[in-house]
Amino acid sequence: MVAEVVERYLRRDGHEVQVVHDGAAALAAFDRFQPDLIILDVMLPGVDGMQVCREVRARSQTPIIMLTARGEEVDKLLGLGLGADDYVTKPFSPRELAARVQAVLRRSGQQAKVDGDALRFGDLRISGRTRAVEDRRGLVNLTAREFDLLFHLARHPGQVFTREQLMDSVWDYDFAGDSSTVTVHMRRLRAKLEVDPSRPRHLKTVWGVGYKFEP
């Protein structure tokens, strides 16, 4: 399913994603979540994408990227005339769409929420821009994957992720490894970051579910 593939690519880039499948649900989700960006399919059941775009734009300047199977220029002009920020015609590459998302967020000034300025939690400082981690002792030497895992958890403080969700978001979604690799990386992160790895302050296990970052 197209929505699932797009979701995996965006989560892998560090975005939090909510997926809905019809126009009425899209409007309700917009009011509930107040997203930084909307990817909107024109061919939605019920309330179509054009109407959703019109209603969202009447109340907000949230960036909108529209997806359509129609390639005619008139549809592009209509979509952009309604206030869409970009327009992608199916079939499209998920990588291209992910790049468009980054570009639109950058233009709208929201990029800092995706990869931007340092996250601070007491003595712990995590920079998405430089990929540097510092604590009370100074710089912490992490592997690339350890950093990706830490940054993903820290960007969603308090949110619990299963090992499978972390595999999808931090590792490539088609990675063929065992989800126990998440456990191994968490153990290494705790050894490097926690004062007492057996009683972690930030990197918590939620028994029977997965892991979370406690701010």
N, C-alpha and C. Protein backbone atom coordinates (compact mmCIF):
# COMPACT_ATOMS: atom_id res chain seq x y z
N MET A 1 0.85 -1.19 0.00
CA MET A 1 0.00 0.00 0.00
C MET A 1 0.88 1.24 0.00
N VAL A 2 0.52 2.21 -0.84
CA VAL A 2 1.36 3.40 -0.99
C VAL A 2 1.55 4.13 0.33
N ALA A 3 0.47 4.29 1.09
CA ALA A 3 0.56 5.03 2.35
C ALA A 3 1.56 4.39 3.31
N GLU A 4 1.60 3.06 3.35
CA GLU A 4 2.50 2.36 4.27
C GLU A 4 3.96 2.55 3.85
N VAL A 5 4.23 2.51 2.54
CA VAL A 5 5.60 2.72 2.07
C VAL A 5 6.06 4.14 2.39
N VAL A 6 5.19 5.12 2.10
CA VAL A 6 5.54 6.52 2.38
C VAL A 6 5.77 6.71 3.88
N GLU A 7 4.91 6.11 4.70
CA GLU A 7 5.06 6.24 6.15
C GLU A 7 6.42 5.72 6.61
N ARG A 8 6.84 4.57 6.07
CA ARG A 8 8.12 3.99 6.47
C ARG A 8 9.29 4.89 6.09
N TYR A 9 9.24 5.44 4.89
CA TYR A 9 10.32 6.33 4.47
C TYR A 9 10.37 7.57 5.36
N LEU A 10 9.23 8.15 5.67
CA LEU A 10 9.22 9.37 6.48
C LEU A 10 9.66 9.09 7.91
N ARG A 11 9.21 7.97 8.47
CA ARG A 11 9.65 7.62 9.83
C ARG A 11 11.16 7.37 9.85
N ARG A 12 11.67 6.78 8.81
CA ARG A 12 13.11 6.53 8.74
C ARG A 12 13.89 7.84 8.74
N ASP A 13 13.29 8.91 8.21
CA ASP A 13 13.92 10.23 8.21
C ASP A 13 13.72 10.97 9.52
N GLY A 14 13.03 10.36 10.47
CA GLY A 14 12.86 10.97 11.79
C GLY A 14 11.56 11.70 12.00
N HIS A 15 10.62 11.60 11.05
CA HIS A 15 9.34 12.29 11.20
C HIS A 15 8.36 11.44 11.99
N GLU A 16 7.53 12.10 12.76
CA GLU A 16 6.38 11.44 13.37
C GLU A 16 5.25 11.49 12.35
N VAL A 17 4.58 10.36 12.12
CA VAL A 17 3.61 10.26 11.04
C VAL A 17 2.27 9.74 11.55
N GLN A 18 1.20 10.37 11.10
CA GLN A 18 -0.16 9.88 11.33
C GLN A 18 -0.79 9.62 9.97
N VAL A 19 -1.35 8.43 9.77
CA VAL A 19 -1.96 8.06 8.49
C VAL A 19 -3.46 7.92 8.66
N VAL A 20 -4.24 8.55 7.76
CA VAL A 20 -5.69 8.35 7.70
C VAL A 20 -6.07 8.06 6.25
N HIS A 21 -7.27 7.54 6.04
CA HIS A 21 -7.59 6.99 4.72
C HIS A 21 -8.82 7.61 4.05
N ASP A 22 -9.39 8.65 4.62
CA ASP A 22 -10.48 9.34 3.93
C ASP A 22 -10.48 10.81 4.35
N GLY A 23 -11.23 11.62 3.58
CA GLY A 23 -11.18 13.07 3.77
C GLY A 23 -11.70 13.53 5.12
N ALA A 24 -12.81 12.95 5.58
CA ALA A 24 -13.36 13.35 6.87
C ALA A 24 -12.38 13.05 8.00
N ALA A 25 -11.74 11.87 7.92
CA ALA A 25 -10.74 11.51 8.93
C ALA A 25 -9.53 12.44 8.86
N ALA A 26 -9.19 12.88 7.64
CA ALA A 26 -8.05 13.79 7.48
C ALA A 26 -8.32 15.12 8.19
N LEU A 27 -9.52 15.66 8.03
CA LEU A 27 -9.85 16.92 8.69
C LEU A 27 -9.88 16.76 10.22
N ALA A 28 -10.43 15.64 10.68
CA ALA A 28 -10.44 15.40 12.13
C ALA A 28 -9.02 15.25 12.66
N ALA A 29 -8.16 14.53 11.91
CA ALA A 29 -6.77 14.35 12.34
C ALA A 29 -6.02 15.67 12.34
N PHE A 30 -6.32 16.53 11.36
CA PHE A 30 -5.67 17.84 11.33
C PHE A 30 -5.99 18.63 12.59
N ASP A 31 -7.24 18.66 12.99
CA ASP A 31 -7.63 19.39 14.20
C ASP A 31 -7.01 18.76 15.44
N ARG A 32 -6.88 17.45 15.45
CA ARG A 32 -6.39 16.75 16.64
C ARG A 32 -4.88 16.86 16.80
N PHE A 33 -4.14 16.71 15.70
CA PHE A 33 -2.68 16.61 15.79
C PHE A 33 -1.94 17.90 15.45
N GLN A 34 -2.59 18.83 14.72
CA GLN A 34 -1.92 20.06 14.31
C GLN A 34 -0.54 19.77 13.70
N PRO A 35 -0.49 19.07 12.58
CA PRO A 35 0.80 18.64 12.01
C PRO A 35 1.62 19.79 11.46
N ASP A 36 2.91 19.54 11.26
CA ASP A 36 3.79 20.53 10.64
C ASP A 36 3.67 20.51 9.12
N LEU A 37 3.14 19.39 8.56
CA LEU A 37 3.00 19.26 7.12
C LEU A 37 1.96 18.18 6.82
N ILE A 38 1.24 18.35 5.70
CA ILE A 38 0.23 17.38 5.28
C ILE A 38 0.59 16.85 3.89
N ILE A 39 0.57 15.52 3.73
CA ILE A 39 0.65 14.90 2.41
C ILE A 39 -0.75 14.42 2.09
N LEU A 40 -1.33 14.95 1.02
CA LEU A 40 -2.75 14.82 0.78
C LEU A 40 -3.02 14.22 -0.60
N ASP A 41 -3.66 13.06 -0.63
CA ASP A 41 -4.02 12.42 -1.89
C ASP A 41 -5.30 13.08 -2.41
N VAL A 42 -5.32 13.45 -3.69
CA VAL A 42 -6.50 14.07 -4.28
C VAL A 42 -7.68 13.09 -4.26
N MET A 43 -7.41 11.82 -4.55
CA MET A 43 -8.48 10.83 -4.73
C MET A 43 -8.87 10.16 -3.42
N LEU A 44 -9.27 10.94 -2.44
CA LEU A 44 -9.73 10.37 -1.18
C LEU A 44 -11.21 10.03 -1.26
N PRO A 45 -11.66 8.96 -0.60
CA PRO A 45 -13.10 8.68 -0.57
C PRO A 45 -13.83 9.70 0.29
N GLY A 46 -15.10 9.92 -0.03
CA GLY A 46 -15.88 10.88 0.74
C GLY A 46 -15.48 12.29 0.37
N VAL A 47 -15.01 13.05 1.32
CA VAL A 47 -14.50 14.40 1.07
C VAL A 47 -13.18 14.27 0.32
N ASP A 48 -13.10 14.79 -0.92
CA ASP A 48 -11.88 14.56 -1.70
C ASP A 48 -10.75 15.48 -1.26
N GLY A 49 -9.56 15.21 -1.78
CA GLY A 49 -8.38 15.95 -1.35
C GLY A 49 -8.44 17.44 -1.63
N MET A 50 -9.06 17.82 -2.75
CA MET A 50 -9.19 19.24 -3.07
C MET A 50 -10.00 19.96 -1.99
N GLN A 51 -11.11 19.33 -1.57
CA GLN A 51 -11.94 19.96 -0.54
C GLN A 51 -11.21 20.00 0.80
N VAL A 52 -10.48 18.93 1.12
CA VAL A 52 -9.69 18.93 2.36
C VAL A 52 -8.67 20.07 2.32
N CYS A 53 -7.99 20.21 1.19
CA CYS A 53 -7.00 21.28 1.03
C CYS A 53 -7.66 22.64 1.24
N ARG A 54 -8.84 22.82 0.63
CA ARG A 54 -9.54 24.11 0.75
C ARG A 54 -9.90 24.41 2.20
N GLU A 55 -10.38 23.40 2.92
CA GLU A 55 -10.80 23.62 4.31
C GLU A 55 -9.62 23.84 5.24
N VAL A 56 -8.53 23.08 5.01
CA VAL A 56 -7.34 23.29 5.83
C VAL A 56 -6.78 24.68 5.60
N ARG A 57 -6.72 25.09 4.33
CA ARG A 57 -6.13 26.39 4.03
C ARG A 57 -6.98 27.55 4.56
N ALA A 58 -8.28 27.32 4.73
CA ALA A 58 -9.14 28.37 5.26
C ALA A 58 -8.84 28.68 6.72
N ARG A 59 -8.22 27.72 7.41
CA ARG A 59 -7.96 27.93 8.83
C ARG A 59 -6.50 27.87 9.21
N SER A 60 -5.61 27.54 8.27
CA SER A 60 -4.20 27.36 8.63
C SER A 60 -3.31 27.52 7.41
N GLN A 61 -2.04 27.85 7.67
CA GLN A 61 -1.01 27.92 6.61
C GLN A 61 -0.10 26.69 6.66
N THR A 62 -0.56 25.62 7.28
CA THR A 62 0.22 24.38 7.34
C THR A 62 0.60 23.94 5.92
N PRO A 63 1.87 23.65 5.66
CA PRO A 63 2.28 23.22 4.31
C PRO A 63 1.56 21.95 3.87
N ILE A 64 1.19 21.90 2.58
CA ILE A 64 0.47 20.77 2.01
C ILE A 64 1.17 20.32 0.73
N ILE A 65 1.47 19.02 0.66
CA ILE A 65 1.94 18.40 -0.58
C ILE A 65 0.82 17.50 -1.09
N MET A 66 0.39 17.72 -2.33
CA MET A 66 -0.71 16.95 -2.88
C MET A 66 -0.20 15.83 -3.78
N LEU A 67 -0.85 14.66 -3.68
CA LEU A 67 -0.54 13.50 -4.52
C LEU A 67 -1.72 13.25 -5.45
N THR A 68 -1.46 12.98 -6.72
CA THR A 68 -2.54 12.71 -7.64
C THR A 68 -2.09 11.77 -8.75
N ALA A 69 -3.06 11.01 -9.27
CA ALA A 69 -2.80 10.18 -10.44
C ALA A 69 -3.05 10.96 -11.72
N ARG A 70 -3.57 12.16 -11.58
CA ARG A 70 -3.89 12.99 -12.74
C ARG A 70 -2.70 13.88 -13.07
N GLY A 71 -2.23 13.81 -14.30
CA GLY A 71 -1.05 14.59 -14.66
C GLY A 71 -1.35 15.87 -15.39
N GLU A 72 -2.64 16.15 -15.67
CA GLU A 72 -2.95 17.32 -16.46
C GLU A 72 -2.57 18.60 -15.73
N GLU A 73 -2.11 19.58 -16.49
CA GLU A 73 -1.67 20.84 -15.91
C GLU A 73 -2.81 21.55 -15.18
N VAL A 74 -4.05 21.38 -15.67
CA VAL A 74 -5.17 22.07 -15.03
C VAL A 74 -5.33 21.61 -13.59
N ASP A 75 -5.10 20.30 -13.34
CA ASP A 75 -5.21 19.81 -11.98
C ASP A 75 -4.10 20.38 -11.09
N LYS A 76 -2.90 20.49 -11.65
CA LYS A 76 -1.80 21.07 -10.89
C LYS A 76 -2.12 22.53 -10.53
N LEU A 77 -2.61 23.26 -11.50
CA LEU A 77 -2.94 24.66 -11.23
C LEU A 77 -4.05 24.78 -10.21
N LEU A 78 -5.06 23.90 -10.31
CA LEU A 78 -6.15 23.92 -9.35
C LEU A 78 -5.64 23.61 -7.95
N GLY A 79 -4.81 22.56 -7.86
CA GLY A 79 -4.30 22.19 -6.54
C GLY A 79 -3.46 23.29 -5.93
N LEU A 80 -2.56 23.86 -6.71
CA LEU A 80 -1.71 24.92 -6.18
C LEU A 80 -2.52 26.19 -5.94
N GLY A 81 -3.55 26.43 -6.77
CA GLY A 81 -4.40 27.59 -6.57
C GLY A 81 -5.18 27.51 -5.27
N LEU A 82 -5.46 26.29 -4.80
CA LEU A 82 -6.15 26.12 -3.53
C LEU A 82 -5.22 26.32 -2.35
N GLY A 83 -3.94 26.45 -2.60
CA GLY A 83 -3.00 26.72 -1.53
C GLY A 83 -2.03 25.62 -1.23
N ALA A 84 -1.98 24.56 -2.09
CA ALA A 84 -0.98 23.51 -1.89
C ALA A 84 0.42 24.08 -2.11
N ASP A 85 1.39 23.55 -1.36
CA ASP A 85 2.76 24.04 -1.47
C ASP A 85 3.58 23.27 -2.49
N ASP A 86 3.17 22.05 -2.80
CA ASP A 86 3.87 21.25 -3.81
C ASP A 86 2.89 20.20 -4.32
N TYR A 87 3.26 19.56 -5.42
CA TYR A 87 2.35 18.66 -6.13
C TYR A 87 3.17 17.51 -6.71
N VAL A 88 2.82 16.26 -6.41
CA VAL A 88 3.56 15.10 -6.89
C VAL A 88 2.58 14.19 -7.64
N THR A 89 2.93 13.81 -8.86
CA THR A 89 2.06 12.97 -9.68
C THR A 89 2.46 11.50 -9.55
N LYS A 90 1.48 10.63 -9.36
CA LYS A 90 1.72 9.20 -9.30
C LYS A 90 1.98 8.64 -10.71
N PRO A 91 2.78 7.60 -10.84
CA PRO A 91 3.59 6.97 -9.77
C PRO A 91 4.79 7.84 -9.43
N PHE A 92 5.19 7.78 -8.17
CA PHE A 92 6.31 8.60 -7.73
C PHE A 92 7.26 7.75 -6.89
N SER A 93 8.48 8.23 -6.75
CA SER A 93 9.47 7.57 -5.91
C SER A 93 9.29 8.03 -4.46
N PRO A 94 9.18 7.11 -3.49
CA PRO A 94 9.10 7.52 -2.09
C PRO A 94 10.29 8.38 -1.67
N ARG A 95 11.46 8.11 -2.24
CA ARG A 95 12.63 8.93 -1.91
C ARG A 95 12.43 10.36 -2.39
N GLU A 96 11.85 10.51 -3.59
CA GLU A 96 11.59 11.85 -4.10
C GLU A 96 10.59 12.58 -3.21
N LEU A 97 9.54 11.88 -2.79
CA LEU A 97 8.56 12.51 -1.92
C LEU A 97 9.19 12.92 -0.59
N ALA A 98 10.04 12.05 -0.02
CA ALA A 98 10.72 12.39 1.23
C ALA A 98 11.58 13.64 1.05
N ALA A 99 12.24 13.76 -0.10
CA ALA A 99 13.06 14.96 -0.37
C ALA A 99 12.17 16.19 -0.50
N ARG A 100 11.01 16.03 -1.12
CA ARG A 100 10.08 17.16 -1.22
C ARG A 100 9.60 17.60 0.16
N VAL A 101 9.35 16.63 1.02
CA VAL A 101 8.93 16.95 2.40
C VAL A 101 9.99 17.81 3.08
N GLN A 102 11.25 17.37 2.98
CA GLN A 102 12.34 18.12 3.60
C GLN A 102 12.41 19.54 3.04
N ALA A 103 12.25 19.67 1.71
CA ALA A 103 12.35 20.98 1.08
C ALA A 103 11.22 21.89 1.51
N VAL A 104 10.00 21.35 1.57
CA VAL A 104 8.86 22.18 1.97
C VAL A 104 8.97 22.59 3.43
N LEU A 105 9.39 21.66 4.30
CA LEU A 105 9.59 22.01 5.71
C LEU A 105 10.67 23.08 5.87
N ARG A 106 11.73 22.94 5.09
CA ARG A 106 12.81 23.93 5.16
C ARG A 106 12.31 25.31 4.76
N ARG A 107 11.53 25.37 3.68
CA ARG A 107 10.99 26.66 3.23
C ARG A 107 10.02 27.26 4.23
N SER A 108 9.29 26.39 4.94
CA SER A 108 8.28 26.89 5.87
C SER A 108 8.85 27.19 7.25
N GLY A 109 10.16 26.94 7.44
CA GLY A 109 10.79 27.23 8.72
C GLY A 109 10.58 26.17 9.76
N GLN A 110 10.11 24.97 9.37
CA GLN A 110 9.86 23.90 10.32
C GLN A 110 10.99 22.89 10.41
N GLN A 111 12.05 23.08 9.63
CA GLN A 111 13.10 22.06 9.55
C GLN A 111 13.73 21.76 10.91
N ALA A 112 13.82 22.77 11.76
CA ALA A 112 14.44 22.54 13.07
C ALA A 112 13.70 21.45 13.86
N LYS A 113 12.41 21.27 13.61
CA LYS A 113 11.66 20.24 14.32
C LYS A 113 12.00 18.86 13.80
N VAL A 114 12.58 18.78 12.60
CA VAL A 114 12.89 17.49 12.00
C VAL A 114 14.30 17.06 12.33
N ASP A 115 15.28 17.95 12.07
CA ASP A 115 16.65 17.51 12.27
C ASP A 115 17.49 18.57 12.98
N GLY A 116 16.78 19.55 13.53
CA GLY A 116 17.47 20.81 13.77
C GLY A 116 18.27 20.94 15.03
N ASP A 117 17.91 21.90 15.83
CA ASP A 117 18.75 22.35 16.93
C ASP A 117 18.86 21.30 18.02
N ALA A 118 19.80 21.51 18.90
CA ALA A 118 20.10 20.51 19.92
C ALA A 118 18.92 20.27 20.86
N LEU A 119 18.77 19.02 21.27
CA LEU A 119 17.83 18.66 22.32
C LEU A 119 18.60 18.65 23.64
N ARG A 120 18.01 19.20 24.67
CA ARG A 120 18.69 19.29 25.97
C ARG A 120 17.82 18.66 27.05
N PHE A 121 18.44 17.80 27.84
CA PHE A 121 17.76 17.16 28.96
C PHE A 121 18.74 17.16 30.13
N GLY A 122 18.67 18.17 30.97
CA GLY A 122 19.63 18.29 32.06
C GLY A 122 21.04 18.43 31.51
N ASP A 123 21.93 17.51 31.92
CA ASP A 123 23.31 17.55 31.45
C ASP A 123 23.49 16.96 30.05
N LEU A 124 22.44 16.37 29.52
CA LEU A 124 22.54 15.68 28.23
C LEU A 124 22.14 16.62 27.09
N ARG A 125 23.02 16.73 26.09
CA ARG A 125 22.76 17.57 24.92
C ARG A 125 22.97 16.73 23.67
N ILE A 126 21.94 16.71 22.78
CA ILE A 126 21.98 15.90 21.56
C ILE A 126 21.74 16.82 20.38
N SER A 127 22.70 16.92 19.49
CA SER A 127 22.58 17.79 18.32
C SER A 127 22.26 16.99 17.08
N GLY A 128 21.09 17.24 16.49
CA GLY A 128 20.75 16.58 15.24
C GLY A 128 21.55 17.10 14.07
N ARG A 129 22.01 18.34 14.15
CA ARG A 129 22.76 18.95 13.04
C ARG A 129 24.17 18.42 12.97
N THR A 130 24.87 18.38 14.10
CA THR A 130 26.27 17.93 14.12
C THR A 130 26.41 16.47 14.53
N ARG A 131 25.31 15.86 14.99
CA ARG A 131 25.32 14.47 15.46
C ARG A 131 26.29 14.29 16.63
N ALA A 132 26.40 15.32 17.44
CA ALA A 132 27.25 15.26 18.63
C ALA A 132 26.39 15.07 19.87
N VAL A 133 26.89 14.27 20.81
CA VAL A 133 26.21 14.05 22.09
C VAL A 133 27.17 14.41 23.21
N GLU A 134 26.70 15.23 24.13
CA GLU A 134 27.52 15.62 25.28
C GLU A 134 26.75 15.37 26.55
N ASP A 135 27.47 14.94 27.61
CA ASP A 135 26.86 14.85 28.92
C ASP A 135 27.79 15.51 29.94
N ARG A 136 27.61 15.20 31.19
CA ARG A 136 28.38 15.86 32.25
C ARG A 136 29.88 15.64 32.10
N ARG A 137 30.29 14.60 31.36
CA ARG A 137 31.71 14.29 31.21
C ARG A 137 32.31 14.85 29.93
N GLY A 138 31.46 15.39 29.04
CA GLY A 138 31.94 15.89 27.76
C GLY A 138 31.34 15.10 26.61
N LEU A 139 32.05 15.05 25.48
CA LEU A 139 31.55 14.36 24.30
C LEU A 139 31.44 12.86 24.54
N VAL A 140 30.36 12.27 24.05
CA VAL A 140 30.14 10.83 24.15
C VAL A 140 30.34 10.22 22.78
N ASN A 141 31.16 9.20 22.70
CA ASN A 141 31.48 8.57 21.42
C ASN A 141 30.45 7.50 21.09
N LEU A 142 29.55 7.80 20.12
CA LEU A 142 28.52 6.85 19.71
C LEU A 142 28.75 6.43 18.26
N THR A 143 28.35 5.21 17.95
CA THR A 143 28.33 4.80 16.55
C THR A 143 27.17 5.52 15.86
N ALA A 144 27.16 5.46 14.53
CA ALA A 144 26.10 6.12 13.77
C ALA A 144 24.73 5.57 14.15
N ARG A 145 24.62 4.26 14.29
CA ARG A 145 23.33 3.67 14.60
C ARG A 145 22.92 3.95 16.04
N GLU A 146 23.88 3.97 16.95
CA GLU A 146 23.56 4.33 18.33
C GLU A 146 23.01 5.75 18.40
N PHE A 147 23.64 6.66 17.65
CA PHE A 147 23.13 8.04 17.64
C PHE A 147 21.73 8.08 17.07
N ASP A 148 21.50 7.41 15.95
CA ASP A 148 20.17 7.42 15.31
C ASP A 148 19.09 6.93 16.27
N LEU A 149 19.40 5.89 17.01
CA LEU A 149 18.44 5.34 17.96
C LEU A 149 18.17 6.33 19.09
N LEU A 150 19.22 6.89 19.65
CA LEU A 150 19.07 7.87 20.72
C LEU A 150 18.29 9.08 20.25
N PHE A 151 18.63 9.61 19.09
CA PHE A 151 17.99 10.82 18.60
C PHE A 151 16.51 10.58 18.32
N HIS A 152 16.20 9.42 17.77
CA HIS A 152 14.79 9.12 17.50
C HIS A 152 14.00 9.05 18.80
N LEU A 153 14.51 8.37 19.80
CA LEU A 153 13.80 8.28 21.08
C LEU A 153 13.68 9.64 21.75
N ALA A 154 14.77 10.42 21.72
CA ALA A 154 14.79 11.71 22.41
C ALA A 154 13.88 12.74 21.75
N ARG A 155 13.66 12.59 20.43
CA ARG A 155 12.75 13.49 19.74
C ARG A 155 11.29 13.22 20.10
N HIS A 156 11.02 12.08 20.74
CA HIS A 156 9.65 11.73 21.12
C HIS A 156 9.65 11.36 22.61
N PRO A 157 10.01 12.29 23.50
CA PRO A 157 10.14 11.94 24.92
C PRO A 157 8.83 11.42 25.50
N GLY A 158 8.97 10.33 26.25
CA GLY A 158 7.81 9.73 26.89
C GLY A 158 7.04 8.76 26.03
N GLN A 159 7.28 8.77 24.70
CA GLN A 159 6.55 7.87 23.81
C GLN A 159 7.20 6.49 23.80
N VAL A 160 6.38 5.46 23.93
CA VAL A 160 6.87 4.09 23.99
C VAL A 160 6.90 3.51 22.57
N PHE A 161 8.04 2.92 22.19
CA PHE A 161 8.20 2.29 20.89
C PHE A 161 8.48 0.81 21.08
N THR A 162 7.84 -0.03 20.28
CA THR A 162 8.20 -1.44 20.27
C THR A 162 9.52 -1.61 19.52
N ARG A 163 10.14 -2.77 19.68
CA ARG A 163 11.38 -3.03 18.93
C ARG A 163 11.13 -3.00 17.43
N GLU A 164 9.97 -3.51 17.03
CA GLU A 164 9.65 -3.51 15.59
C GLU A 164 9.49 -2.10 15.06
N GLN A 165 8.88 -1.21 15.83
CA GLN A 165 8.74 0.19 15.39
C GLN A 165 10.10 0.86 15.29
N LEU A 166 10.98 0.56 16.22
CA LEU A 166 12.32 1.14 16.16
C LEU A 166 13.10 0.59 14.98
N MET A 167 12.92 -0.68 14.67
CA MET A 167 13.56 -1.24 13.48
C MET A 167 13.10 -0.51 12.23
N ASP A 168 11.79 -0.23 12.14
CA ASP A 168 11.25 0.47 10.98
C ASP A 168 11.78 1.89 10.89
N SER A 169 11.87 2.59 12.03
CA SER A 169 12.20 4.01 12.03
C SER A 169 13.69 4.29 11.98
N VAL A 170 14.49 3.45 12.64
CA VAL A 170 15.92 3.74 12.79
C VAL A 170 16.76 2.93 11.80
N TRP A 171 16.40 1.67 11.62
CA TRP A 171 17.06 0.84 10.62
C TRP A 171 16.26 0.96 9.33
N ASP A 172 16.82 0.59 8.21
CA ASP A 172 16.04 0.55 6.97
C ASP A 172 14.85 -0.36 7.18
N TYR A 173 13.69 0.06 6.63
CA TYR A 173 12.48 -0.70 6.90
C TYR A 173 12.54 -2.12 6.35
N ASP A 174 13.39 -2.37 5.34
CA ASP A 174 13.51 -3.72 4.80
C ASP A 174 14.74 -4.44 5.35
N PHE A 175 15.30 -3.91 6.46
CA PHE A 175 16.45 -4.55 7.09
C PHE A 175 16.08 -5.97 7.52
N ALA A 176 16.92 -6.93 7.19
CA ALA A 176 16.56 -8.34 7.38
C ALA A 176 17.01 -8.88 8.74
N GLY A 177 17.46 -8.02 9.63
CA GLY A 177 17.99 -8.49 10.90
C GLY A 177 16.91 -8.81 11.92
N ASP A 178 17.38 -9.29 13.06
CA ASP A 178 16.50 -9.65 14.17
C ASP A 178 16.27 -8.42 15.03
N SER A 179 15.04 -8.26 15.56
CA SER A 179 14.75 -7.09 16.40
C SER A 179 15.54 -7.09 17.69
N SER A 180 16.20 -8.22 18.04
CA SER A 180 17.04 -8.23 19.23
C SER A 180 18.23 -7.28 19.08
N THR A 181 18.54 -6.87 17.84
CA THR A 181 19.61 -5.90 17.65
C THR A 181 19.29 -4.58 18.34
N VAL A 182 17.98 -4.27 18.47
CA VAL A 182 17.58 -3.06 19.21
C VAL A 182 18.00 -3.19 20.67
N THR A 183 17.79 -4.36 21.24
CA THR A 183 18.17 -4.60 22.63
C THR A 183 19.67 -4.42 22.83
N VAL A 184 20.44 -4.93 21.90
CA VAL A 184 21.90 -4.81 21.98
C VAL A 184 22.31 -3.33 21.93
N HIS A 185 21.74 -2.57 21.02
CA HIS A 185 22.09 -1.16 20.91
C HIS A 185 21.66 -0.37 22.14
N MET A 186 20.51 -0.71 22.71
CA MET A 186 20.06 -0.03 23.93
C MET A 186 21.04 -0.32 25.07
N ARG A 187 21.51 -1.54 25.15
CA ARG A 187 22.47 -1.90 26.21
C ARG A 187 23.75 -1.08 26.06
N ARG A 188 24.21 -0.93 24.82
CA ARG A 188 25.43 -0.14 24.58
C ARG A 188 25.21 1.34 24.89
N LEU A 189 24.04 1.86 24.50
CA LEU A 189 23.74 3.26 24.80
C LEU A 189 23.71 3.52 26.30
N ARG A 190 23.09 2.63 27.03
CA ARG A 190 23.03 2.80 28.48
C ARG A 190 24.42 2.77 29.10
N ALA A 191 25.26 1.87 28.59
CA ALA A 191 26.63 1.78 29.13
C ALA A 191 27.39 3.08 28.90
N LYS A 192 27.09 3.77 27.80
CA LYS A 192 27.83 4.99 27.47
C LYS A 192 27.22 6.24 28.10
N LEU A 193 25.90 6.22 28.37
CA LEU A 193 25.22 7.46 28.77
C LEU A 193 24.74 7.48 30.22
N GLU A 194 24.37 6.32 30.73
CA GLU A 194 23.73 6.30 32.05
C GLU A 194 24.77 6.18 33.17
N VAL A 195 24.54 6.89 34.26
CA VAL A 195 25.40 6.78 35.44
C VAL A 195 25.36 5.36 35.97
N ASP A 196 24.16 4.79 36.05
CA ASP A 196 23.97 3.40 36.47
C ASP A 196 23.13 2.71 35.42
N PRO A 197 23.77 2.00 34.47
CA PRO A 197 23.02 1.36 33.38
C PRO A 197 21.93 0.40 33.86
N SER A 198 22.08 -0.16 35.05
CA SER A 198 21.07 -1.08 35.55
C SER A 198 19.83 -0.34 36.07
N ARG A 199 19.99 0.97 36.33
CA ARG A 199 18.87 1.80 36.76
C ARG A 199 18.89 3.10 35.94
N PRO A 200 18.56 3.00 34.65
CA PRO A 200 18.71 4.14 33.75
C PRO A 200 17.78 5.30 34.08
N ARG A 201 18.32 6.49 33.86
CA ARG A 201 17.53 7.71 34.09
C ARG A 201 16.70 8.06 32.87
N HIS A 202 17.30 7.93 31.67
CA HIS A 202 16.64 8.35 30.44
C HIS A 202 16.15 7.19 29.57
N LEU A 203 16.95 6.17 29.39
CA LEU A 203 16.65 5.10 28.43
C LEU A 203 15.93 3.97 29.15
N LYS A 204 14.61 4.06 29.17
CA LYS A 204 13.79 3.17 29.99
C LYS A 204 13.24 1.99 29.19
N THR A 205 13.14 0.86 29.85
CA THR A 205 12.43 -0.30 29.31
C THR A 205 11.00 -0.27 29.82
N VAL A 206 10.05 -0.45 28.91
CA VAL A 206 8.65 -0.62 29.29
C VAL A 206 8.35 -2.10 29.09
N TRP A 207 8.31 -2.84 30.17
CA TRP A 207 8.28 -4.30 30.10
C TRP A 207 7.07 -4.79 29.31
N GLY A 208 7.34 -5.72 28.42
CA GLY A 208 6.31 -6.30 27.58
C GLY A 208 5.92 -5.46 26.38
N VAL A 209 6.53 -4.25 26.26
CA VAL A 209 6.20 -3.36 25.14
C VAL A 209 7.45 -2.99 24.36
N GLY A 210 8.35 -2.23 24.98
CA GLY A 210 9.53 -1.77 24.27
C GLY A 210 10.34 -0.78 25.08
N TYR A 211 10.64 0.37 24.48
CA TYR A 211 11.52 1.36 25.11
C TYR A 211 10.97 2.77 24.95
N LYS A 212 11.43 3.64 25.85
CA LYS A 212 11.10 5.05 25.73
C LYS A 212 12.23 5.88 26.29
N PHE A 213 12.26 7.17 25.91
CA PHE A 213 13.21 8.12 26.46
C PHE A 213 12.47 8.96 27.49
N GLU A 214 12.95 8.94 28.72
CA GLU A 214 12.35 9.72 29.80
C GLU A 214 13.13 11.02 29.95
N PRO A 215 12.50 12.18 29.73
CA PRO A 215 13.26 13.45 29.79
C PRO A 215 13.65 13.81 31.20
